[in-house]
Amino acid sequence: MTIKALRTPDERFENLSGWDYAPHYVDDLPGYEGLRMHY
């Protein structure tokens, strides 16, 4: 099964008003190889 996903570049969140969050990712999710999740 192939999952189609889009990835927004981190620089799109630079200087974004109200977005003071550092990027943290999980990318070793079993069954979801090639995807990453931001938290």
C-alpha atoms as a PDB file:
ATOM      1  CA  MET A   1       0.000   0.000   0.000  1.00  0.00           C
ATOM      2  CA  THR A   2       1.370   3.416  -0.950  1.00  0.00           C
ATOM      3  CA  ILE A   3       0.389   6.534   0.940  1.00  0.00           C
ATOM      4  CA  LYS A   4       0.599   9.846  -0.895  1.00  0.00           C
ATOM      5  CA  ALA A   5       1.641  12.712   1.361  1.00  0.00           C
ATOM      6  CA  LEU A   6       2.844  16.277   0.972  1.00  0.00           C
ATOM      7  CA  ARG A   7       5.618  17.719   3.096  1.00  0.00           C
ATOM      8  CA  THR A   8       5.681  21.417   3.939  1.00  0.00           C
ATOM      9  CA  PRO A   9       9.263  22.697   4.140  1.00  0.00           C
ATOM     10  CA  ASP A  10      10.308  23.880   7.621  1.00  0.00           C
ATOM     11  CA  GLU A  11      11.214  27.328   6.256  1.00  0.00           C
ATOM     12  CA  ARG A  12       7.509  27.937   5.524  1.00  0.00           C
ATOM     13  CA  PHE A  13       7.013  28.212   9.298  1.00  0.00           C
ATOM     14  CA  GLU A  14       9.832  30.729   9.848  1.00  0.00           C
ATOM     15  CA  ASN A  15       8.639  34.171  10.981  1.00  0.00           C
ATOM     16  CA  LEU A  16       5.057  32.933  11.156  1.00  0.00           C
ATOM     17  CA  SER A  17       3.154  34.975  13.728  1.00  0.00           C
ATOM     18  CA  GLY A  18       2.062  32.841  16.674  1.00  0.00           C
ATOM     19  CA  TRP A  19       4.156  29.814  15.628  1.00  0.00           C
ATOM     20  CA  ASP A  20       6.933  29.583  18.214  1.00  0.00           C
ATOM     21  CA  TYR A  21       7.397  25.818  18.012  1.00  0.00           C
ATOM     22  CA  ALA A  22      10.654  24.065  17.233  1.00  0.00           C
ATOM     23  CA  PRO A  23      10.338  21.220  14.719  1.00  0.00           C
ATOM     24  CA  HIS A  24      10.312  17.728  16.257  1.00  0.00           C
ATOM     25  CA  TYR A  25       9.708  14.671  14.104  1.00  0.00           C
ATOM     26  CA  VAL A  26       9.101  10.950  14.421  1.00  0.00           C
ATOM     27  CA  ASP A  27      10.030   9.073  11.259  1.00  0.00           C
ATOM     28  CA  ASP A  28      10.416   5.455  12.361  1.00  0.00           C
ATOM     29  CA  LEU A  29       6.745   4.516  12.586  1.00  0.00           C
ATOM     30  CA  PRO A  30       6.225   0.821  11.760  1.00  0.00           C
ATOM     31  CA  GLY A  31       4.138   0.430   8.630  1.00  0.00           C
ATOM     32  CA  TYR A  32       4.604   4.087   7.636  1.00  0.00           C
ATOM     33  CA  GLU A  33       8.074   4.009   6.098  1.00  0.00           C
ATOM     34  CA  GLY A  34       8.924   7.205   4.226  1.00  0.00           C
ATOM     35  CA  LEU A  35       6.546   9.348   6.294  1.00  0.00           C
ATOM     36  CA  ARG A  36       7.274  11.535   9.266  1.00  0.00           C
ATOM     37  CA  MET A  37       5.038  13.063  11.899  1.00  0.00           C
ATOM     38  CA  HIS A  38       5.557  16.473  13.481  1.00  0.00           C
ATOM     39  CA  TYR A  39       4.835  16.906  17.169  1.00  0.00           C
END
